[in-house]
Amino acid sequence: MLVRVDLNVPLRDGAVADDTRIRAALPTIALLRAAGARIALCSHLGRPQGRDAALSLAPVARRLAELVGTEIALAMDSVGDEVSRLVHALSPGQIVLLENVRFHPEEERNDPLFAKALAAPFELYVNDAFGAAHRAHASTEGVARILPAYAGLLLERELAVLGALLYRPARPFLAIVGGAKVSSKLAVLQALLERVDTIAIGGGMANTFLAATGHPIGRSLSEPDQMPAAERLLDAAERAAKAVLLPMDVVVAPSVDAAGALRAQVVAAGGVPADVAIVDIGPRTLELYAGAIAAAKTIFWNGPVGVFEISEFAQGTRAIARFLAAATARGATTVVGGGESVQAIQEAGLAAQMTHVSTGGGASLELIEGRTLPGVAAIPDL
């Protein structure tokens, strides 16, 4: 059985630095092992340009073996005679991990011959890689057209939780959207506007909205070419009687680094000096967003509200994580997606206190936009 999982995890000094995605695959692996399946796991790691020893799945195999509690062999490739020999030698419940499927450029091209070679040793296919389901690649879409295809437990849960946000959210429904660029999230903002009651905007993308409403933003990151789109979204929100919350006050600094943090200060959103940059949301804004979170019954959060890479400028993002944990405790549905917002709740030890932490940043956004995910569409029963 070929099982596509998402083991695209960060590595540090030759070891797995964050095993969240590996742990997310464990329930499906355990279920299949209990049923006596012979399992070959398939995943990508990073964006290699051909074979790259630095992006081998060897560290992942070691960590996976520790978590599963059994020996896991790493194939030297994802296709070919050696893979066939390893797969056919497996006993019920045994696991082999195929080497990084992106070592072959045909994977991302969804090459039919490569998909056929990948599928060749197997009788069944399970996709449990939600984080890669928005890609029409050979291992996510091509193989599913060749073998009988099924969804894994993680993929099913992601679709159920995110689908509930789309079609039957408890209200009020709040979306908190951050990150650097409006351009990368404009489509999801437009889609959310049709579904939510309130959108709270933070991060670098908020600067473009502030500039579009006539606020000075100094030397802050922004996208001037997206200001008309920001204006249209604000106009659409007003017509639809939807609230869009923008920062009332902000943290500014002369440079976006640790040295700049020593001279950071809080100013009103309308009073940003010309020689500084906005690096985080301020305390009045946090109070505003906290009130919206407290009133909401459903909350979706994607993206940091400050320059999260600098610890001193991550205070707003960490506070949002705490507010969401409190909201979950009082009965709200909280869904977090996106690398840095997920990282924030993990670093704060709050991941278990959210209703759902999505493993797919891009996939979750595309699903909320209403786009078809190729890896999902290829599975007949979904």
Protein backbone atom coordinates (compact mmCIF):
# COMPACT_ATOMS: atom_id res chain seq x y z
CA MET A 1 0.00 0.00 0.00
CA LEU A 2 1.35 3.43 -0.99
CA VAL A 3 0.57 6.12 1.57
CA ARG A 4 1.26 9.75 0.64
CA VAL A 5 2.05 11.69 3.82
CA ASP A 6 3.38 15.18 4.40
CA LEU A 7 6.75 14.82 6.11
CA ASN A 8 8.04 18.16 4.85
CA VAL A 9 9.50 19.12 8.23
CA PRO A 10 12.27 21.55 9.21
CA LEU A 11 15.72 20.05 9.76
CA ARG A 12 18.50 21.37 11.95
CA ASP A 13 22.00 19.89 12.23
CA GLY A 14 20.90 16.70 10.51
CA ALA A 15 17.88 16.09 12.74
CA VAL A 16 14.18 16.90 12.69
CA ALA A 17 13.64 20.29 14.34
CA ASP A 18 9.84 20.08 14.52
CA ASP A 19 8.03 16.72 14.28
CA THR A 20 4.46 18.10 14.21
CA ARG A 21 3.74 16.85 10.71
CA ILE A 22 5.25 13.46 11.47
CA ARG A 23 3.01 13.10 14.52
CA ALA A 24 0.00 14.13 12.43
CA ALA A 25 0.57 11.09 10.20
CA LEU A 26 0.71 8.61 13.07
CA PRO A 27 -3.03 7.83 13.47
CA THR A 28 -3.39 6.69 9.86
CA ILE A 29 -0.15 4.70 10.05
CA ALA A 30 -1.33 3.02 13.27
CA LEU A 31 -4.74 2.18 11.75
CA LEU A 32 -3.18 0.62 8.67
CA ARG A 33 -0.62 -1.35 10.67
CA ALA A 34 -3.35 -2.71 12.90
CA ALA A 35 -5.14 -3.91 9.77
CA GLY A 36 -2.02 -5.76 8.65
CA ALA A 37 -1.13 -3.48 5.77
CA ARG A 38 2.32 -3.46 4.23
CA ILE A 39 3.07 0.27 4.11
CA ALA A 40 5.31 2.36 1.88
CA LEU A 41 5.27 6.00 2.92
CA CYS A 42 5.88 8.65 0.28
CA SER A 43 6.68 12.33 0.88
CA HIS A 44 8.57 15.33 -0.39
CA LEU A 45 11.01 17.46 1.60
CA GLY A 46 11.86 20.99 0.55
CA ARG A 47 12.42 22.02 -3.04
CA PRO A 48 15.42 20.03 -4.30
CA GLN A 49 16.80 20.58 -7.77
CA GLY A 50 17.52 16.94 -8.45
CA ARG A 51 19.05 14.61 -5.87
CA ASP A 52 20.27 16.54 -2.83
CA ALA A 53 21.74 14.79 0.21
CA ALA A 54 20.80 17.77 2.40
CA LEU A 55 17.13 17.07 1.65
CA SER A 56 17.20 13.32 2.18
CA LEU A 57 14.40 11.89 4.30
CA ALA A 58 16.93 9.93 6.38
CA PRO A 59 16.49 12.15 9.50
CA VAL A 60 12.73 11.85 9.08
CA ALA A 61 12.97 8.06 8.92
CA ARG A 62 14.91 8.03 12.18
CA ARG A 63 12.41 10.24 13.99
CA LEU A 64 9.44 8.36 12.55
CA ALA A 65 10.90 5.06 13.75
CA GLU A 66 11.22 6.50 17.27
CA LEU A 67 7.61 7.67 17.26
CA VAL A 68 6.15 4.49 15.77
CA GLY A 69 8.37 2.25 17.87
CA THR A 70 9.54 0.01 15.07
CA GLU A 71 12.35 -0.15 12.55
CA ILE A 72 11.67 1.79 9.36
CA ALA A 73 13.86 1.26 6.31
CA LEU A 74 14.61 4.16 3.99
CA ALA A 75 14.60 3.29 0.31
CA MET A 76 17.31 4.92 -1.77
CA ASP A 77 14.71 6.13 -4.26
CA SER A 78 10.95 6.46 -4.68
CA VAL A 79 10.71 4.38 -7.86
CA GLY A 80 12.57 1.48 -9.40
CA ASP A 81 13.57 -2.11 -8.79
CA GLU A 82 14.94 -1.52 -5.27
CA VAL A 83 11.61 -0.05 -4.17
CA SER A 84 9.78 -3.03 -5.61
CA ARG A 85 12.07 -5.46 -3.77
CA LEU A 86 11.66 -3.64 -0.45
CA VAL A 87 7.89 -3.44 -0.80
CA HIS A 88 7.45 -7.10 -1.71
CA ALA A 89 9.68 -8.16 1.18
CA LEU A 90 7.54 -6.33 3.77
CA SER A 91 5.62 -8.36 6.34
CA PRO A 92 2.16 -7.24 7.54
CA GLY A 93 2.51 -4.09 9.65
CA GLN A 94 6.02 -3.27 8.40
CA ILE A 95 6.90 0.15 6.98
CA VAL A 96 9.34 1.46 4.42
CA LEU A 97 9.85 5.17 3.74
CA LEU A 98 10.57 6.07 0.13
CA GLU A 99 13.25 8.68 -0.51
CA ASN A 100 12.25 12.27 -1.29
CA VAL A 101 9.87 12.03 -4.23
CA ARG A 102 10.90 15.50 -5.45
CA PHE A 103 14.36 14.22 -6.29
CA HIS A 104 12.58 13.47 -9.56
CA PRO A 105 11.45 16.62 -11.42
CA GLU A 106 8.71 14.50 -13.00
CA GLU A 107 6.92 14.53 -9.62
CA GLU A 108 5.99 18.21 -9.76
CA ARG A 109 5.18 17.96 -13.46
CA ASN A 110 2.71 15.15 -12.66
CA ASP A 111 4.35 13.14 -15.41
CA PRO A 112 2.10 10.16 -16.28
CA LEU A 113 5.02 7.75 -16.76
CA PHE A 114 6.51 8.73 -13.41
CA ALA A 115 3.11 8.32 -11.71
CA LYS A 116 2.85 4.87 -13.29
CA ALA A 117 6.32 3.93 -12.01
CA LEU A 118 5.46 5.23 -8.54
CA ALA A 119 2.24 3.19 -8.47
CA ALA A 120 3.73 0.03 -9.98
CA PRO A 121 4.58 -1.96 -6.79
CA PHE A 122 1.26 -1.24 -5.10
CA GLU A 123 -2.38 -2.31 -5.11
CA LEU A 124 -3.89 0.55 -3.07
CA TYR A 125 -3.20 4.25 -2.48
CA VAL A 126 -3.99 6.38 0.58
CA ASN A 127 -3.56 10.15 0.58
CA ASP A 128 -3.04 11.59 4.05
CA ALA A 129 -1.00 14.63 2.94
CA PHE A 130 -3.39 17.54 3.27
CA GLY A 131 -0.48 19.96 3.17
CA ALA A 132 0.28 18.84 -0.39
CA ALA A 133 -3.31 18.20 -1.56
CA HIS A 134 -3.46 21.52 -3.40
CA ARG A 135 -0.68 20.36 -5.72
CA ALA A 136 -1.45 18.31 -8.83
CA HIS A 137 1.72 16.24 -8.54
CA ALA A 138 2.37 12.63 -9.45
CA SER A 139 2.27 11.45 -5.82
CA THR A 140 -0.84 13.46 -4.90
CA GLU A 141 -2.97 13.33 -8.04
CA GLY A 142 -1.39 11.12 -10.69
CA VAL A 143 -1.18 7.92 -8.63
CA ALA A 144 -4.75 8.41 -7.40
CA ARG A 145 -5.90 8.10 -11.02
CA ILE A 146 -4.10 4.74 -11.36
CA LEU A 147 -4.71 2.89 -8.08
CA PRO A 148 -7.87 2.55 -5.97
CA ALA A 149 -7.55 5.71 -3.85
CA TYR A 150 -8.70 6.52 -0.33
CA ALA A 151 -8.33 9.36 2.17
CA GLY A 152 -6.36 8.99 5.37
CA LEU A 153 -7.61 10.07 8.78
CA LEU A 154 -5.74 13.39 8.75
CA LEU A 155 -7.01 14.36 5.32
CA GLU A 156 -10.57 13.48 6.33
CA ARG A 157 -10.34 15.58 9.51
CA GLU A 158 -8.86 18.59 7.72
CA LEU A 159 -11.67 18.52 5.16
CA ALA A 160 -14.33 18.08 7.86
CA VAL A 161 -13.09 20.94 10.05
CA LEU A 162 -12.35 23.39 7.25
CA GLY A 163 -15.53 22.39 5.46
CA ALA A 164 -17.50 23.28 8.57
CA LEU A 165 -15.95 26.76 8.45
CA LEU A 166 -17.19 27.15 4.90
CA TYR A 167 -20.70 25.85 5.22
CA ARG A 168 -21.91 25.74 8.82
CA PRO A 169 -19.88 27.95 11.16
CA ALA A 170 -21.29 28.95 14.51
CA ARG A 171 -21.68 32.72 14.58
CA PRO A 172 -20.29 35.26 15.10
CA PHE A 173 -17.50 34.06 12.80
CA LEU A 174 -14.18 35.93 13.06
CA ALA A 175 -11.18 35.60 10.75
CA ILE A 176 -7.78 36.91 11.82
CA VAL A 177 -5.51 37.27 8.80
CA GLY A 178 -1.90 38.38 8.97
CA GLY A 179 1.33 37.94 7.10
CA ALA A 180 3.45 40.14 4.91
CA LYS A 181 1.57 40.62 1.65
CA VAL A 182 -1.97 41.49 0.62
CA SER A 183 -1.27 40.08 -2.85
CA SER A 184 -0.74 36.55 -1.51
CA LYS A 185 -3.98 36.57 0.47
CA LEU A 186 -6.30 38.83 -1.45
CA ALA A 187 -8.33 35.92 -2.83
CA VAL A 188 -8.79 34.39 0.61
CA LEU A 189 -9.76 37.77 2.08
CA GLN A 190 -12.41 38.14 -0.61
CA ALA A 191 -13.68 34.62 0.03
CA LEU A 192 -13.74 35.12 3.78
CA LEU A 193 -15.65 38.36 3.42
CA GLU A 194 -18.58 36.37 2.03
CA ARG A 195 -18.57 33.98 4.99
CA VAL A 196 -17.41 35.75 8.13
CA ASP A 197 -18.91 38.49 10.26
CA THR A 198 -15.61 40.19 11.09
CA ILE A 199 -12.08 40.19 9.67
CA ALA A 200 -9.17 41.41 11.80
CA ILE A 201 -6.08 42.25 9.74
CA GLY A 202 -2.51 42.43 11.01
CA GLY A 203 1.07 41.99 9.93
CA GLY A 204 2.70 43.67 6.96
CA MET A 205 -0.49 43.38 4.93
CA ALA A 206 -2.25 45.69 7.38
CA ASN A 207 0.18 48.44 6.35
CA THR A 208 -1.22 48.42 2.82
CA PHE A 209 -4.74 48.77 4.21
CA LEU A 210 -3.65 51.59 6.51
CA ALA A 211 -2.00 53.40 3.61
CA ALA A 212 -5.12 52.89 1.51
CA THR A 213 -7.17 54.65 4.20
CA GLY A 214 -4.82 57.62 4.32
CA HIS A 215 -2.65 56.68 7.28
CA PRO A 216 1.10 57.38 7.14
CA ILE A 217 3.14 54.19 7.42
CA GLY A 218 6.71 55.55 7.37
CA ARG A 219 9.20 53.03 6.01
CA SER A 220 6.94 50.06 6.65
CA LEU A 221 6.63 47.09 4.34
CA SER A 222 3.67 47.62 2.01
CA GLU A 223 2.39 46.96 -1.50
CA PRO A 224 1.35 50.27 -3.07
CA ASP A 225 0.07 48.48 -6.17
CA GLN A 226 -2.41 46.59 -3.96
CA MET A 227 -3.92 49.72 -2.40
CA PRO A 228 -6.80 49.86 -4.92
CA ALA A 229 -7.62 46.20 -4.13
CA ALA A 230 -7.55 47.00 -0.41
CA GLU A 231 -9.90 49.92 -0.97
CA ARG A 232 -12.30 47.74 -2.95
CA LEU A 233 -12.31 45.12 -0.21
CA LEU A 234 -13.07 47.73 2.45
CA ASP A 235 -15.86 49.15 0.27
CA ALA A 236 -17.31 45.67 -0.24
CA ALA A 237 -17.22 45.04 3.50
CA GLU A 238 -19.08 48.25 4.17
CA ARG A 239 -21.76 47.38 1.62
CA ALA A 240 -22.15 43.92 3.15
CA ALA A 241 -22.22 45.32 6.71
CA LYS A 242 -19.15 43.27 7.59
CA ALA A 243 -16.57 44.63 10.04
CA VAL A 244 -12.91 44.90 9.00
CA LEU A 245 -10.68 45.64 11.98
CA LEU A 246 -7.40 47.45 11.29
CA PRO A 247 -4.73 48.45 13.81
CA MET A 248 -5.59 51.44 15.98
CA ASP A 249 -2.04 51.68 17.32
CA VAL A 250 1.20 50.03 16.29
CA VAL A 251 4.69 49.27 17.50
CA VAL A 252 7.31 51.06 15.39
CA ALA A 253 11.09 50.77 15.25
CA PRO A 254 13.89 52.46 13.28
CA SER A 255 15.05 49.07 11.96
CA VAL A 256 13.48 45.64 11.74
CA ASP A 257 16.07 43.81 13.82
CA ALA A 258 17.14 43.26 17.41
CA ALA A 259 18.92 46.64 17.48
CA GLY A 260 15.75 48.37 16.34
CA ALA A 261 13.80 46.62 19.08
CA LEU A 262 15.77 48.59 21.68
CA ARG A 263 14.26 51.82 20.29
CA ALA A 264 10.76 50.52 19.59
CA GLN A 265 7.76 52.58 20.69
CA VAL A 266 3.98 52.53 20.46
CA VAL A 267 2.27 55.19 18.35
CA ALA A 268 -1.26 55.76 17.07
CA ALA A 269 -1.93 54.24 13.66
CA GLY A 270 -2.37 57.75 12.27
CA GLY A 271 0.89 59.05 13.72
CA VAL A 272 3.65 56.84 12.32
CA PRO A 273 6.82 58.94 11.82
CA ALA A 274 8.45 58.93 8.39
CA ASP A 275 11.72 57.37 9.60
CA VAL A 276 10.37 54.21 11.27
CA ALA A 277 8.64 50.98 10.27
CA ILE A 278 5.59 49.26 11.76
CA VAL A 279 6.68 45.98 13.35
CA ASP A 280 3.72 44.83 15.47
CA ILE A 281 0.23 45.76 16.59
CA GLY A 282 -0.11 47.93 19.70
CA PRO A 283 -1.94 47.40 23.02
CA ARG A 284 -5.14 49.22 22.01
CA THR A 285 -5.32 47.08 18.88
CA LEU A 286 -4.77 43.96 20.93
CA GLU A 287 -7.65 45.02 23.16
CA LEU A 288 -9.85 45.55 20.09
CA TYR A 289 -8.96 42.15 18.64
CA ALA A 290 -9.34 40.46 22.03
CA GLY A 291 -12.88 41.79 22.23
CA ALA A 292 -13.70 40.38 18.80
CA ILE A 293 -12.23 37.01 19.80
CA ALA A 294 -14.20 36.97 23.05
CA ALA A 295 -17.45 37.62 21.15
CA ALA A 296 -16.85 35.04 18.42
CA LYS A 297 -18.07 31.45 18.36
CA THR A 298 -15.89 30.48 15.39
CA ILE A 299 -12.39 31.83 14.78
CA PHE A 300 -10.01 31.15 11.90
CA TRP A 301 -6.45 32.46 12.21
CA ASN A 302 -3.84 32.52 9.47
CA GLY A 303 -0.65 34.56 9.64
CA PRO A 304 1.27 36.57 12.26
CA VAL A 305 0.25 40.11 13.16
CA GLY A 306 3.83 41.38 13.53
CA VAL A 307 7.38 40.66 12.39
CA PHE A 308 7.32 37.27 14.03
CA GLU A 309 10.93 36.41 13.15
CA ILE A 310 12.14 38.99 15.70
CA SER A 311 11.15 37.89 19.20
CA GLU A 312 10.54 41.44 20.42
CA PHE A 313 8.08 42.03 17.56
CA ALA A 314 6.17 38.77 18.11
CA GLN A 315 4.31 39.96 21.21
CA GLY A 316 1.06 40.65 19.37
CA THR A 317 1.11 37.27 17.63
CA ARG A 318 1.75 35.46 20.92
CA ALA A 319 -1.07 37.36 22.59
CA ILE A 320 -3.46 36.31 19.81
CA ALA A 321 -2.46 32.70 20.51
CA ARG A 322 -3.34 33.12 24.20
CA PHE A 323 -6.67 34.77 23.36
CA LEU A 324 -7.58 31.87 21.07
CA ALA A 325 -6.72 29.31 23.75
CA ALA A 326 -9.06 31.14 26.14
CA ALA A 327 -11.75 31.21 23.46
CA THR A 328 -11.48 27.44 22.97
CA ALA A 329 -11.82 26.92 26.72
CA ARG A 330 -15.11 28.82 26.75
CA GLY A 331 -16.48 26.72 23.89
CA ALA A 332 -15.57 28.54 20.68
CA THR A 333 -14.29 26.67 17.64
CA THR A 334 -10.72 27.79 16.90
CA VAL A 335 -8.88 26.79 13.75
CA VAL A 336 -5.27 27.80 13.11
CA GLY A 337 -3.48 27.44 9.78
CA GLY A 338 -0.28 28.85 8.33
CA GLY A 339 3.33 28.27 9.31
CA GLU A 340 4.06 31.17 11.66
CA SER A 341 0.69 31.25 13.41
CA VAL A 342 1.03 27.50 13.98
CA GLN A 343 4.59 28.05 15.17
CA ALA A 344 3.36 30.69 17.63
CA ILE A 345 0.88 28.39 19.32
CA GLN A 346 3.39 25.55 19.39
CA GLU A 347 6.10 27.69 20.97
CA ALA A 348 3.57 28.87 23.55
CA GLY A 349 2.56 25.28 24.30
CA LEU A 350 -1.02 26.06 23.28
CA ALA A 351 -1.51 23.81 20.22
CA ALA A 352 -3.50 21.25 22.22
CA GLN A 353 -5.80 24.04 23.38
CA MET A 354 -7.05 24.83 19.86
CA THR A 355 -9.95 23.02 18.25
CA HIS A 356 -7.84 22.26 15.18
CA VAL A 357 -4.34 23.09 13.97
CA SER A 358 -4.16 22.64 10.21
CA THR A 359 -1.11 20.97 8.70
CA GLY A 360 -1.59 22.76 5.40
CA GLY A 361 -1.13 26.52 5.15
CA GLY A 362 -1.52 26.85 1.40
CA ALA A 363 -4.00 24.00 1.14
CA SER A 364 -6.23 25.42 3.88
CA LEU A 365 -6.26 28.85 2.24
CA GLU A 366 -7.10 27.43 -1.18
CA LEU A 367 -9.90 25.35 0.32
CA ILE A 368 -11.36 28.42 2.04
CA GLU A 369 -11.08 30.33 -1.23
CA GLY A 370 -13.41 27.67 -2.65
CA ARG A 371 -10.83 26.23 -5.00
CA THR A 372 -10.72 22.54 -5.88
CA LEU A 373 -7.75 20.69 -4.38
CA PRO A 374 -6.40 18.24 -6.99
CA GLY A 375 -5.29 15.70 -4.39
CA VAL A 376 -8.80 15.66 -2.95
CA ALA A 377 -10.66 15.68 -6.26
CA ALA A 378 -8.72 12.59 -7.36
CA ILE A 379 -10.14 10.46 -4.51
CA PRO A 380 -13.52 9.03 -5.58
CA ASP A 381 -15.28 8.92 -2.22
CA LEU A 382 -14.51 12.51 -1.18
